[in-house]
Structures are given as structure tokens and as C-alpha cells.
Protein backbone atom coordinates (compact mmCIF):
# COMPACT_ATOMS: atom_id res chain seq x y z
CA PHE A 1 -16.68 -16.46 9.85
CA PHE A 2 -17.19 -19.85 11.44
CA PHE A 3 -20.38 -21.93 11.20
CA PHE A 4 -21.08 -24.78 13.60
CA PHE A 5 -23.26 -27.72 12.58
CA PHE A 6 -25.05 -29.77 15.22
CA PHE A 7 -25.92 -33.31 14.14
CA GLN A 8 -28.74 -34.74 16.25
CA ALA A 9 -29.70 -38.36 16.76
CA GLU A 10 -33.20 -39.62 15.89
CA ASP A 11 -35.67 -38.59 18.59
CA GLY A 12 -37.64 -41.88 18.72
CA ILE A 13 -39.68 -44.10 16.44
CA ARG A 14 -42.03 -42.20 14.19
CA ASP A 15 -45.54 -43.15 13.22
CA ALA A 16 -45.89 -45.17 10.05
CA GLN A 17 -46.57 -43.02 7.00
CA GLU A 18 -48.87 -43.69 4.11
CA SER A 19 -47.29 -45.16 1.02
CA ARG A 20 -45.99 -42.53 -1.45
CA GLY A 21 -45.77 -42.56 -5.18
CA LEU A 22 -42.45 -43.03 -6.90
CA GLY A 23 -42.25 -39.35 -7.86
CA ASP A 24 -42.51 -38.26 -4.22
CA VAL A 25 -39.60 -40.56 -3.30
CA TYR A 26 -37.41 -39.06 -6.01
CA LYS A 27 -38.27 -35.52 -4.92
CA ARG A 28 -37.30 -36.32 -1.35
CA GLN A 29 -33.99 -37.84 -2.49
CA VAL A 30 -33.12 -34.77 -4.53
CA SER A 31 -33.97 -32.47 -1.62
CA THR A 32 -31.87 -34.50 0.81
CA GLN A 33 -28.96 -34.57 -1.64
CA SER A 34 -29.15 -30.81 -2.15
CA THR A 35 -29.09 -30.18 1.63
CA TRP A 36 -26.14 -32.55 2.06
CA GLU A 37 -24.20 -30.92 -0.80
CA THR A 38 -24.66 -27.50 0.79
CA GLN A 39 -23.49 -28.76 4.19
CA ARG A 40 -20.60 -30.66 2.61
CA ALA A 41 -19.47 -27.57 0.72
CA GLU A 42 -19.57 -25.45 3.87
CA ILE A 43 -17.68 -28.08 5.88
CA LEU A 44 -15.00 -28.27 3.20
CA ALA A 45 -14.82 -24.47 3.16
CA GLU A 46 -14.24 -24.46 6.92
CA LEU A 47 -11.55 -27.11 6.55
CA SER A 48 -9.76 -25.11 3.85
CA VAL A 49 -9.85 -22.01 6.05
CA ALA A 50 -8.55 -23.99 9.03
CA TYR A 51 -5.63 -25.31 6.98
CA ALA A 52 -4.95 -21.79 5.72
CA GLU A 53 -4.72 -20.57 9.31
CA ILE A 54 -2.00 -23.12 10.13
CA GLY A 55 -0.17 -22.48 6.86
CA ASP A 56 -0.75 -25.86 5.16
CA LEU A 57 -1.33 -24.37 1.71
CA GLU A 58 -1.10 -27.70 -0.13
CA ALA A 59 -4.06 -28.97 1.88
CA VAL A 60 -5.87 -25.67 1.26
CA SER A 61 -5.60 -26.10 -2.49
CA ARG A 62 -6.65 -29.76 -2.40
CA ILE A 63 -9.71 -29.20 -0.22
CA ALA A 64 -10.80 -25.97 -1.93
CA ASN A 65 -10.75 -27.73 -5.30
CA LEU A 66 -12.73 -30.60 -3.78
CA ALA A 67 -15.29 -28.09 -2.47
CA GLU A 68 -15.75 -26.68 -5.97
CA ALA A 69 -15.89 -30.05 -7.73
CA ASP A 70 -19.70 -30.23 -7.92
CA GLU A 71 -19.87 -26.89 -9.76
CA ALA A 72 -22.20 -25.57 -7.08
CA ARG A 73 -21.49 -22.20 -5.48
CA PRO A 74 -19.99 -23.16 -2.11
CA PRO A 75 -18.37 -20.46 -0.02
CA ALA A 76 -14.86 -21.96 -0.05
CA VAL A 77 -13.29 -19.44 -2.41
CA GLN A 78 -14.91 -16.45 -0.73
CA ARG A 79 -13.73 -17.66 2.68
CA LEU A 80 -10.18 -18.22 1.44
CA HIS A 81 -10.19 -14.79 -0.17
CA SER A 82 -11.14 -13.26 3.19
CA VAL A 83 -8.32 -15.15 4.93
CA GLY A 84 -5.90 -13.91 2.26
CA ARG A 85 -7.03 -10.31 2.72
CA ALA A 86 -6.51 -10.66 6.47
CA ARG A 87 -3.01 -12.02 5.86
CA LEU A 88 -2.29 -9.16 3.47
CA SER A 89 -3.40 -6.57 6.04
CA THR A 90 -0.71 -7.87 8.42
CA GLY A 91 1.97 -7.59 5.72
CA ASP A 92 2.14 -11.32 4.99
CA GLY A 93 2.11 -10.82 1.22
CA GLN A 94 3.64 -14.20 0.31
CA ASN A 95 1.04 -16.39 2.04
CA ALA A 96 -1.74 -14.05 0.92
CA LEU A 97 -0.55 -14.36 -2.67
CA THR A 98 -0.56 -18.17 -2.44
CA LEU A 99 -4.14 -18.17 -1.18
CA PHE A 100 -5.25 -15.77 -3.91
CA MET A 101 -3.60 -17.94 -6.57
CA VAL A 102 -5.51 -20.98 -5.26
CA CYS A 103 -8.75 -18.98 -5.49
CA ARG A 104 -7.92 -17.72 -8.98
CA GLY A 105 -7.21 -21.24 -10.22
CA ILE A 106 -10.62 -22.40 -9.02
CA GLU A 107 -12.49 -19.40 -10.40
CA GLU A 108 -10.78 -19.52 -13.80
CA LYS A 109 -11.95 -23.12 -14.29
CA LYS A 110 -15.51 -21.79 -14.37
CA GLY A 111 -14.70 -19.71 -17.42
CA LYS A 112 -17.10 -16.94 -16.45
CA LYS A 113 -15.81 -13.56 -15.32
CA SER A 114 -17.58 -11.97 -12.35
CA GLU A 115 -17.18 -9.02 -10.01
CA PHE A 116 -15.77 -11.42 -7.43
CA TYR A 117 -13.14 -12.51 -9.95
CA ALA A 118 -12.22 -8.85 -10.58
CA ASN A 119 -11.88 -8.34 -6.81
CA LEU A 120 -9.73 -11.45 -6.65
CA LEU A 121 -7.45 -10.10 -9.38
CA GLU A 122 -7.18 -6.85 -7.45
CA SER A 123 -6.21 -8.69 -4.25
CA THR A 124 -3.61 -10.73 -6.16
CA ALA A 125 -2.11 -7.53 -7.55
CA LEU A 126 -1.96 -5.92 -4.10
CA ALA A 127 -0.13 -8.99 -2.78
CA HIS A 128 2.42 -8.63 -5.59
CA GLY A 129 2.75 -4.95 -4.64
CA ASN A 130 3.34 -5.92 -1.02
CA LEU A 131 6.27 -8.01 -2.29
CA SER A 132 7.51 -5.02 -4.38
CA LYS A 133 6.69 -6.85 -7.65
CA PHE A 134 5.17 -3.71 -9.12
CA ASP A 135 5.24 -4.59 -12.82
CA GLU A 136 3.31 -7.80 -12.17
CA ALA A 137 0.91 -5.89 -9.91
CA LEU A 138 0.20 -3.34 -12.65
CA LYS A 139 -0.39 -6.05 -15.24
CA ILE A 140 -3.00 -7.77 -13.05
CA LEU A 141 -4.63 -4.49 -11.95
CA ASN A 142 -5.15 -3.49 -15.57
CA GLU A 143 -6.78 -6.88 -16.17
CA ALA A 144 -9.04 -6.30 -13.13
CA ALA A 145 -10.03 -2.86 -14.48
CA ALA A 146 -10.94 -4.37 -17.85
CA VAL A 147 -13.07 -7.09 -16.21
CA MET A 148 -14.84 -4.57 -13.97
CA LYS A 149 -15.60 -2.31 -16.92
CA GLU A 150 -16.87 -5.24 -19.01
CA ILE A 151 -19.18 -6.49 -16.24
CA HIS A 152 -20.77 -3.14 -15.43
CA ARG A 153 -20.65 -1.80 -19.00
CA GLU A 154 -19.51 1.57 -17.69
CA GLU A 155 -16.78 3.34 -15.79
CA ASN A 156 -18.39 3.29 -12.34
CA GLU A 157 -17.10 3.72 -8.78
CA LYS A 158 -15.83 0.12 -8.62
CA TYR A 159 -13.81 0.67 -11.78
CA ALA A 160 -12.52 3.91 -10.22
CA ALA A 161 -11.34 1.98 -7.15
CA VAL A 162 -9.15 -0.21 -9.37
CA LEU A 163 -7.76 2.93 -11.07
CA SER A 164 -6.85 4.24 -7.62
CA ASN A 165 -4.86 1.10 -6.88
CA ILE A 166 -3.11 1.39 -10.25
CA GLY A 167 -2.19 4.99 -9.36
CA GLN A 168 -0.88 3.96 -5.95
CA THR A 169 1.26 1.24 -7.54
CA TYR A 170 2.75 3.77 -9.96
CA TYR A 171 3.40 6.09 -7.01
CA ARG A 172 5.30 3.39 -5.13
CA GLN A 173 7.42 2.87 -8.25
CA GLY A 174 8.28 6.56 -8.26
CA LYS A 175 6.26 7.10 -11.47
CA PHE A 176 4.46 10.14 -10.11
CA LYS A 177 3.19 11.50 -13.42
CA GLU A 178 1.51 8.19 -14.28
CA ALA A 179 0.06 8.10 -10.76
CA GLU A 180 -1.35 11.61 -11.18
CA GLU A 181 -3.07 10.63 -14.44
CA LYS A 182 -4.82 7.64 -12.84
CA TYR A 183 -5.87 9.67 -9.79
CA LEU A 184 -7.36 12.39 -12.01
CA GLU A 185 -9.32 9.79 -13.97
CA CYS A 186 -10.50 8.27 -10.69
CA GLU A 187 -11.46 11.69 -9.26
CA LYS A 188 -13.59 12.50 -12.31
CA ILE A 189 -15.57 9.25 -12.10
CA GLN A 190 -16.05 9.47 -8.31
CA ALA A 191 -17.30 13.06 -8.51
CA ILE A 192 -20.06 11.92 -10.90
CA LYS A 193 -20.93 8.54 -9.39
CA LEU A 194 -20.37 9.19 -5.67
CA GLY A 195 -20.37 12.97 -5.19
CA ILE A 196 -17.63 15.12 -3.68
CA SER A 197 -18.72 14.45 -0.10
CA HIS A 198 -18.05 10.70 -0.37
CA ILE A 199 -15.21 9.24 1.68
CA ASP A 200 -13.59 7.65 -1.41
CA TYR A 201 -13.54 11.00 -3.22
CA LEU A 202 -11.75 12.57 -0.24
CA THR A 203 -9.20 9.74 -0.29
CA THR A 204 -8.47 10.50 -3.95
CA LEU A 205 -7.94 14.20 -3.15
CA ASN A 206 -5.25 13.19 -0.64
CA LEU A 207 -3.61 10.82 -3.13
CA LEU A 208 -3.55 13.60 -5.74
CA ALA A 209 -1.99 15.97 -3.22
CA ASN A 210 0.80 13.45 -2.57
CA ALA A 211 1.42 13.01 -6.30
CA TYR A 212 1.57 16.79 -6.88
CA PHE A 213 3.99 17.18 -3.97
CA ALA A 214 6.24 14.45 -5.39
CA LEU A 215 6.13 16.22 -8.77
CA GLY A 216 7.20 19.48 -7.15
CA SER A 217 3.81 21.18 -7.65
CA GLU A 218 3.40 22.36 -4.08
CA GLU A 219 0.64 24.87 -4.86
CA LYS A 220 -1.49 22.17 -6.51
CA SER A 221 -0.76 19.87 -3.58
CA MET A 222 -1.92 22.47 -1.06
CA GLU A 223 -5.02 23.18 -3.16
CA LYS A 224 -6.13 19.52 -2.96
CA LEU A 225 -5.34 19.29 0.76
CA LYS A 226 -7.32 22.46 1.47
CA GLN A 227 -10.20 21.08 -0.57
CA PHE A 228 -10.08 17.90 1.51
CA GLU A 229 -10.00 19.88 4.77
CA GLN A 230 -12.90 22.10 3.70
CA ILE A 231 -15.21 19.27 2.55
CA SER A 232 -14.36 17.15 5.58
CA SER A 233 -15.18 20.05 7.89
CA GLN A 234 -18.45 20.88 6.12
CA ILE A 235 -19.87 17.36 6.20
CA GLY A 236 -18.44 16.48 9.63
CA VAL A 237 -16.67 13.34 8.45
CA ASN A 238 -13.75 12.05 10.49
CA HIS A 239 -11.92 10.64 7.48
CA PRO A 240 -9.12 8.11 8.16
CA ASP A 241 -6.72 10.35 6.18
CA LEU A 242 -7.55 13.53 8.12
CA ALA A 243 -4.50 13.41 10.40
CA SER A 244 -2.29 12.74 7.37
CA VAL A 245 -3.81 15.70 5.50
CA LEU A 246 -3.26 18.05 8.46
CA ASN A 247 0.32 16.79 8.78
CA ASN A 248 0.95 17.45 5.10
CA LEU A 249 -0.54 20.94 5.29
CA GLY A 250 1.87 21.57 8.15
CA ILE A 251 4.79 20.40 6.01
CA LEU A 252 3.81 22.69 3.12
CA HIS A 253 3.49 25.71 5.42
CA ALA A 254 6.88 24.87 6.95
CA LYS A 255 8.43 24.74 3.47
CA LYS A 256 7.01 28.21 2.83
CA GLY A 257 8.64 29.43 6.05
CA ASP A 258 5.36 29.84 7.97
CA MET A 259 6.43 27.86 11.05
CA GLU A 260 3.64 29.21 13.23
CA ARG A 261 0.96 27.94 10.84
CA ALA A 262 2.87 24.67 10.40
CA ALA A 263 2.91 24.12 14.17
CA GLU A 264 -0.85 24.75 14.31
CA TYR A 265 -1.50 22.03 11.74
CA PHE A 266 0.84 19.56 13.44
CA ASP A 267 -0.92 20.22 16.76
CA LYS A 268 -4.33 19.70 15.12
CA SER A 269 -3.16 16.45 13.58
CA GLY A 270 -1.92 15.24 16.96
CA VAL A 271 -5.43 15.25 18.48
CA THR A 272 -7.42 13.92 15.50
CA ASN A 273 -9.80 11.08 16.36
CA GLY A 274 -9.21 7.65 14.84
CA ARG A 275 -5.45 8.12 14.55
CA THR A 276 -3.41 5.31 13.05
CA VAL A 277 0.17 4.20 13.59
CA ASP A 278 1.09 6.03 10.37
CA ASP A 279 -0.35 9.26 11.81
CA ASP A 280 1.74 8.87 14.96
CA ILE A 281 4.85 8.19 12.86
CA ALA A 282 4.23 11.29 10.72
CA TYR A 283 3.55 13.43 13.79
CA LEU A 284 6.84 12.42 15.41
CA GLN A 285 8.67 13.10 12.17
CA ASN A 286 7.16 16.55 11.61
CA VAL A 287 7.45 17.82 15.17
CA GLY A 288 11.06 16.62 15.06
CA ASN A 289 11.63 18.61 11.88
CA LEU A 290 10.22 21.75 13.50
CA THR A 291 12.87 21.69 16.23
CA VAL A 292 16.26 23.28 15.64
CA GLU A 293 18.18 20.99 13.27
CA LEU A 294 21.13 20.59 15.60
CA ASP A 295 18.92 19.91 18.60
CA ASN A 296 19.17 16.40 20.05
CA LYS A 297 15.41 16.58 20.70
CA ALA A 298 14.84 16.14 16.97
CA LEU A 299 17.00 13.01 16.99
CA GLU A 300 15.09 11.65 19.98
CA LEU A 301 11.74 12.11 18.19
CA LYS A 302 13.05 10.55 14.99
CA LYS A 303 14.35 7.50 16.89
CA GLU A 304 10.96 7.15 18.56
CA ARG A 305 9.43 7.20 15.08
CA LEU A 306 11.95 4.54 13.92
CA ASP A 307 11.06 2.21 16.82
CA LEU A 308 7.33 2.60 16.16
CA THR A 309 7.83 1.94 12.44
CA LEU A 310 9.91 -1.19 13.09
CA GLU A 311 7.32 -2.51 15.54
CA SER A 312 4.43 -1.84 13.14
CA TYR A 313 5.93 -2.77 9.75
CA GLY A 314 9.10 -4.75 10.34
CA ARG A 315 12.54 -4.11 8.85
CA ARG A 316 11.80 -4.85 5.19
CA HIS A 317 9.43 -1.96 4.55
CA GLU A 318 9.81 1.38 2.78
CA LYS A 319 8.48 3.29 5.82
CA TYR A 320 11.28 1.85 7.93
CA ALA A 321 13.84 2.74 5.24
CA ASN A 322 12.47 6.31 5.17
CA ALA A 323 12.85 6.58 8.95
CA LEU A 324 16.48 5.39 8.72
CA HIS A 325 17.14 8.01 6.02
CA ASP A 326 15.69 10.74 8.25
CA ILE A 327 17.88 9.77 11.23
CA GLY A 328 20.95 9.62 8.99
CA ILE A 329 20.34 13.22 7.91
CA CYS A 330 19.82 14.26 11.54
CA TYR A 331 23.17 12.71 12.56
CA ALA A 332 24.82 14.49 9.62
CA ASN A 333 23.39 17.81 10.86
CA LEU A 334 24.88 17.00 14.26
CA GLU A 335 28.21 16.36 12.46
CA ASN A 336 28.21 12.77 13.67
CA PHE A 337 29.17 11.46 10.22
CA ALA A 338 30.04 7.91 11.29
CA ASP A 339 26.52 7.26 12.62
CA ALA A 340 25.02 9.14 9.67
CA LEU A 341 26.69 6.64 7.32
CA LEU A 342 25.42 3.67 9.35
CA TYR A 343 21.81 4.78 8.99
CA LEU A 344 22.04 5.98 5.38
CA ASN A 345 23.79 2.80 4.19
CA GLU A 346 21.22 0.62 5.97
CA CYS A 347 18.48 2.66 4.28
CA GLU A 348 20.06 2.02 0.87
CA LYS A 349 20.37 -1.70 1.59
CA ILE A 350 16.67 -2.04 2.44
CA ARG A 351 15.52 0.04 -0.53
CA LYS A 352 17.53 -2.15 -2.89
CA GLU A 353 15.89 -5.23 -1.38
CA LEU A 354 12.50 -3.63 -2.04
CA PHE A 355 12.99 -1.77 -5.32
CA GLY A 356 16.02 -3.25 -7.06
CA GLU A 357 18.94 -1.31 -8.51
CA PHE A 358 17.13 1.97 -9.13
CA HIS A 359 14.24 3.95 -7.68
CA PRO A 360 13.77 7.76 -7.62
CA SER A 361 14.08 7.75 -3.81
CA TYR A 362 17.75 6.77 -4.24
CA LEU A 363 18.65 10.18 -5.68
CA GLN A 364 18.28 12.16 -2.45
CA LEU A 365 19.85 9.31 -0.48
CA TRP A 366 22.94 9.23 -2.73
CA PHE A 367 23.18 13.01 -2.52
CA HIS A 368 23.21 12.91 1.29
CA LEU A 369 25.82 10.14 1.21
CA ALA A 370 27.96 12.27 -1.13
CA GLU A 371 27.66 15.20 1.31
CA VAL A 372 28.63 13.07 4.30
CA TYR A 373 31.69 11.66 2.51
CA TYR A 374 32.62 15.21 1.45
CA ASN A 375 32.50 16.36 5.07
CA GLN A 376 34.72 13.43 6.01
CA GLU A 377 37.11 14.46 3.20
CA LYS A 378 36.55 11.09 1.54
CA TYR A 379 36.37 12.63 -1.91
CA THR A 380 36.71 9.40 -3.89
CA ASP A 381 33.64 8.01 -2.07
CA SER A 382 31.80 11.29 -2.61
CA TRP A 383 32.54 11.18 -6.36
CA ARG A 384 31.30 7.58 -6.46
CA GLU A 385 27.92 8.67 -5.08
CA VAL A 386 27.81 11.60 -7.53
CA GLY A 387 28.41 9.12 -10.36
CA LYS A 388 25.43 7.06 -9.16
CA ILE A 389 23.31 10.22 -9.01
CA ASN A 390 24.19 11.25 -12.57
CA LEU A 391 23.31 7.79 -13.85
CA GLY A 392 20.07 7.90 -11.86
CA LEU A 393 19.18 11.36 -13.20
CA SER A 394 19.19 9.99 -16.74
CA LYS A 395 16.95 7.08 -15.67
CA ALA A 396 14.59 9.45 -13.87
CA LYS A 397 14.54 11.66 -17.02
CA LEU A 398 14.93 14.88 -15.01
CA GLN A 399 15.40 18.06 -17.02
CA ARG A 400 18.49 20.22 -16.48
CA ASP A 401 16.32 23.00 -15.02
CA ASP A 402 14.98 20.67 -12.32
CA PRO A 403 15.94 22.07 -8.84
CA PHE A 404 17.55 18.78 -7.80
CA PHE A 405 19.61 18.62 -11.00
CA ILE A 406 20.85 22.19 -10.36
CA GLU A 407 21.67 21.34 -6.74
CA VAL A 408 23.80 18.36 -7.81
CA GLU A 409 25.72 20.47 -10.35
CA LYS A 410 26.48 23.08 -7.68
CA PHE A 411 27.72 20.39 -5.31
CA GLN A 412 30.10 18.96 -7.93
CA LYS A 413 31.81 22.35 -8.22
CA PHE A 414 32.79 22.17 -4.55
CA LEU A 415 34.41 18.77 -4.93
CA PRO A 416 38.16 18.60 -5.63
CA ALA A 417 39.08 17.30 -9.10
CA ARG A 418 37.63 13.87 -9.66
CA PRO A 419 40.20 11.10 -9.09
CA THR A 420 40.94 8.97 -12.15
CA SER A 421 39.63 5.83 -10.42
CA ALA A 422 36.23 7.50 -9.89
CA ARG A 423 35.72 8.58 -13.50
């Protein structure tokens, strides 16, 4: 928001006024000073925002602190927070984080916790999450939840919103059980405070469905998605997640072998109003999966999805890594193992940049790499990937009766005896 101030010259000589008492003079001086302080604070706020826009963050900090020096309530911090949120929405987590830290420094000097401060903590945590610093994000989100609860003296819908962000951070870490617990807590509060027809409650249903799917509870996942679809239809709300929900229902029906029903859901998702880039990406992925696996049409759709993801999110993003993984599998199905390795190895490289040495998403990736090497008769390389999987399984704490664990054990039986160098 930009405010323009017009300073006008005097419009002529005024009539002489009667003499005033000393008290009247002082009152006028105080009033004039108050008006000037307000204008000064707003001008400084605009300057700090302008410097933020050109990336001069040192000047931002200096001017924002100057704007707060009189302990008034100028809009500098709120304006900077808005600029930071805008930066964050474009994926510029680093500059957003710097702006939020400037705002936090100013607010913390006041020593009084407020709802704005809780929101600021939340924004700071989301910026850390954008940079894949999930542990730091969780630490700050838990602090934001505590502040929100202390201010409102109850677990209300604003507290629930912070819980949702905690759950989503756990989900991105691959800690799906912890994510489920936070979503369930959030769902309970929202049902009481907002009602089940509220848009935020529907969002939580979709998040729960994703967590259940990741945990292998496909029936529970479908139950939440159906609940979302039913409520959305009854109240006539075009929820931003609707296309995603329809896509996911299509995936679940496809996994059950009901391709006709799956195709219906994918078609419905393709014409949903208010579609986002993510919806288009998911649609291309799912329609590609419905085609015959060895059909080059699937590869064409997946490459279209890859291009759209790169354009929308850039290279260093988990969605782009996921798209690379998908194309690698498609090339493997086409028995083009050289290209499969190019895409799968690039996927692993990006995920390590984002998540470090281990993340649950690596397990399937390593398994596909092991399969590709096996098909190339590069058994030493295949055993190397199996070794990484076994180490990862212990970190992921999967039980021996887990379907993936069983699948890996079966695969190992097909491999020739492990070479000594790979042990």
C-alpha cells in the first residue's frame, strides 16, 4: 500500500487572531507535533518498503528502527511484514526471512507479545521452511502457537492455523504420523470454532487425507476426500483445493483398479474453476499415469508437467524433483535406462540439496535406481543402492511387515551374490 502526501504552500496572509493564553499555545504545539510524528512515521515506513523492494536490507533495518524510535505505533513493521509475505509467496525465502528478522528485532524490543508478533513468528517459520530448515521452522512455530494461546486464553481458530502449519512442516520432513496428530488436533478445534462448512476446515480434511495416504491408510484417505467432496458440493463452495481433491480421488480409484472411475475424477478435476499451476501439474501427471506405461504419450505428458513445474517453482524445489523422479521411472518402463539414470540421479541431487542426507522420499528413489542398475547388469551399483535403502529403512523405523520392506527383501533375492566391495 502506498500513501502520497501533498504539502501545500500557505494560501495568503491570514487575519490577525486574538491573543491566546499560554495553555492554548502548548495544546497547539502538542497537536502539531503529534500530526508530524504520524506523518514522519508513515514516510519512514514508505522509505523502508522502497528499500526492501530494491533489496537494500541494511537500509531497511536502519530506517525501520528509526521509524519505531519514538515508541509510537507507526506502520513500518506491518508494511515490511507484508513485503516479506509477498517475497515468500514468490519463493524468495531468503530475502523474506531477512525482512521478518528485522521486524522481529523491532517488535521484541517492545517486550509485549501480541497477535501480530505471533503472526510474525509464523511468517519467520514459513521462510525457514521455504529454505528447508525444518527443525528451526518447527521451533519457531511452536513458539507462535504458545503466544497465540496465551493471548487468546484458549485454543481458537487462530491457534489451529498455527497447528496446521506445524503439521505441514512435519509432512515435508516425512514425519507423517506427527503431521497426522497435528491435523487431527486442528480439525477438532476448527469443527467447534468454525463449523464443518468453513473453508479452513475443508483444507484440513485434505491435509489429513494426504497424511493418511502417506501412512498407507488409503481407506482413511478416501474417507476424508469423500467428506471434503460432499461438504463442498452441499454448500456450493469452490474451494482452492477442490481440483487437488478430485485428482487424489482419481489416484485412489486407480490404485484400486477402477480406471473408469479414476478417469471420471481426473476429467472433473481438469475443468474445476479457479485452477492453480499445481492442479495443472497434477492433472498432467495423473492422465499420464492412466496411459499405457510403455506409451510415449505418458512421457510427453510428464515432460510437459516438468516444464511447467520448472517455470513455476524453479530447479531447487521438491515439486521439480518429484517430476524428475516420475520421468525417470517412465524412461525405465520404456527400457531407456541411460536416460532413466540421468533423471533419477538429478532428482537425488536436488533432494539432497533440500533435505540433507536422508529423507523418506529417498527410499523409493533408491529402489528405482537399484532396479535400473539391475536391468543394466550393473550389480555392484544395484547393491550399493540396496545398502542405502537398508540404512534408510532403519532411520525411517519401518517394520518388517511394511509392504515396502517386503518388496526390498524380494528384490534382494533376485540379485546375484553381493560383491565383497559392496558389503
